Amino acid sequence: MYAIIKDGGKQYKVQEGDILLLDKKGLEAKSKIEINEVLAVSNDGELKVGAPFIEGAKVEAEVINEGRAKKVIIFKKRRRKDSKLKKGFRRDFTRVRITNIAS
């Protein structure tokens, strides 16, 4: 059984027991969250698709921790122009474990 959920403008395919990195939520560890924006649910080969969301479907998850990802370097160089730009970016995330998919 799997579900496709939407969170923070992104879509994720999840199963029970999966660990996801979602956008930072500002929650304590071991707290429970409920995601109600479920786009599709597959149960034993039967696919249920919403328009855009499935009514009454939800995915429950438990917060593991929050943190920051490794730095991504953005480097732009314009040749022969003596122009360079170097920036760094670290994404804040909330790590969650999927505990239940209810359709």
Protein backbone atom coordinates (compact mmCIF):
# COMPACT_ATOMS: atom_id res chain seq x y z
CA MET A 1 0.00 0.00 0.00
CA TYR A 2 1.31 3.42 -0.92
CA ALA A 3 0.03 6.97 -1.14
CA ILE A 4 1.02 10.11 -3.00
CA ILE A 5 0.88 13.18 -0.77
CA LYS A 6 1.43 16.88 -1.28
CA ASP A 7 3.38 18.97 1.25
CA GLY A 8 5.03 22.33 0.74
CA GLY A 9 4.37 22.41 -3.00
CA LYS A 10 6.11 19.06 -3.51
CA GLN A 11 4.69 15.58 -4.04
CA TYR A 12 5.97 12.45 -2.30
CA LYS A 13 5.25 8.75 -2.77
CA VAL A 14 5.13 7.19 0.70
CA GLN A 15 4.61 3.79 2.32
CA GLU A 16 4.28 2.87 5.98
CA GLY A 17 7.69 3.01 7.66
CA ASP A 18 9.23 5.43 5.13
CA ILE A 19 11.35 8.33 6.38
CA LEU A 20 10.85 11.69 4.64
CA LEU A 21 12.54 15.08 4.76
CA LEU A 22 9.76 17.67 4.66
CA ASP A 23 10.07 21.45 4.82
CA LYS A 24 10.63 22.71 8.36
CA LYS A 25 7.46 22.56 10.48
CA GLY A 26 8.77 23.81 13.84
CA LEU A 27 7.57 20.76 15.81
CA GLU A 28 9.01 18.82 18.74
CA ALA A 29 10.44 15.32 18.32
CA LYS A 30 7.96 12.43 18.78
CA SER A 31 4.97 14.66 18.02
CA LYS A 32 2.36 13.41 15.54
CA ILE A 33 1.32 15.18 12.35
CA GLU A 34 -1.53 14.48 9.95
CA ILE A 35 -1.28 15.14 6.22
CA ASN A 36 -4.72 15.52 4.63
CA GLU A 37 -3.61 16.46 1.12
CA VAL A 38 -3.59 12.93 -0.32
CA LEU A 39 -3.57 12.84 -4.12
CA ALA A 40 -3.74 9.06 -4.67
CA VAL A 41 -3.85 5.81 -2.70
CA SER A 42 -3.00 2.35 -4.02
CA ASN A 43 -4.25 -0.64 -2.04
CA ASP A 44 -3.60 -4.16 -3.41
CA GLY A 45 -3.39 -2.96 -7.01
CA GLU A 46 -6.52 -0.81 -6.74
CA LEU A 47 -5.67 2.85 -7.37
CA LYS A 48 -7.91 5.58 -5.99
CA VAL A 49 -7.20 9.04 -7.44
CA GLY A 50 -8.59 12.29 -6.09
CA ALA A 51 -9.66 15.42 -7.89
CA PRO A 52 -7.42 17.01 -6.61
CA PHE A 53 -7.51 15.33 -3.15
CA ILE A 54 -9.17 12.17 -1.83
CA GLU A 55 -11.90 13.08 0.64
CA GLY A 56 -11.39 11.52 4.08
CA ALA A 57 -7.94 10.11 3.28
CA LYS A 58 -5.04 11.00 5.53
CA VAL A 59 -1.45 10.04 6.21
CA GLU A 60 -0.19 10.03 9.79
CA ALA A 61 3.48 10.62 10.59
CA GLU A 62 5.72 10.95 13.63
CA VAL A 63 8.40 13.65 13.82
CA ILE A 64 11.90 12.22 14.35
CA ASN A 65 13.92 15.44 14.44
CA GLU A 66 14.62 18.75 12.72
CA GLY A 67 17.87 19.86 11.16
CA ARG A 68 19.69 21.42 8.27
CA ALA A 69 20.92 19.69 5.14
CA LYS A 70 24.42 19.91 3.73
CA LYS A 71 25.38 23.14 2.02
CA VAL A 72 24.70 23.44 -1.69
CA ILE A 73 27.08 25.78 -3.52
CA ILE A 74 25.71 27.99 -6.27
CA PHE A 75 28.52 29.24 -8.51
CA LYS A 76 27.97 31.40 -11.59
CA LYS A 77 30.73 32.57 -13.90
CA ARG A 78 30.44 34.69 -16.99
CA ARG A 79 33.40 34.04 -19.19
CA ARG A 80 35.55 36.93 -20.36
CA LYS A 81 33.54 39.36 -18.21
CA ASP A 82 35.51 39.09 -14.95
CA SER A 83 32.21 38.34 -13.23
CA LYS A 84 31.74 35.57 -10.66
CA LEU A 85 29.13 34.84 -8.01
CA LYS A 86 29.38 32.24 -5.25
CA LYS A 87 26.53 31.60 -2.82
CA GLY A 88 25.69 28.82 -0.40
CA PHE A 89 22.35 27.46 0.73
CA ARG A 90 21.29 25.06 3.50
CA ARG A 91 17.76 23.67 3.55
CA ASP A 92 15.92 23.44 6.89
CA PHE A 93 13.98 20.19 7.18
CA THR A 94 11.78 18.11 9.45
CA ARG A 95 12.49 14.36 9.34
CA VAL A 96 9.31 12.28 9.72
CA ARG A 97 8.43 8.57 9.75
CA ILE A 98 5.15 7.51 8.11
CA THR A 99 3.10 5.49 10.61
CA ASN A 100 -0.30 5.02 8.98
CA ILE A 101 -2.09 5.49 5.67
CA ALA A 102 -5.87 5.71 6.03
CA SER A 103 -8.04 5.88 2.94
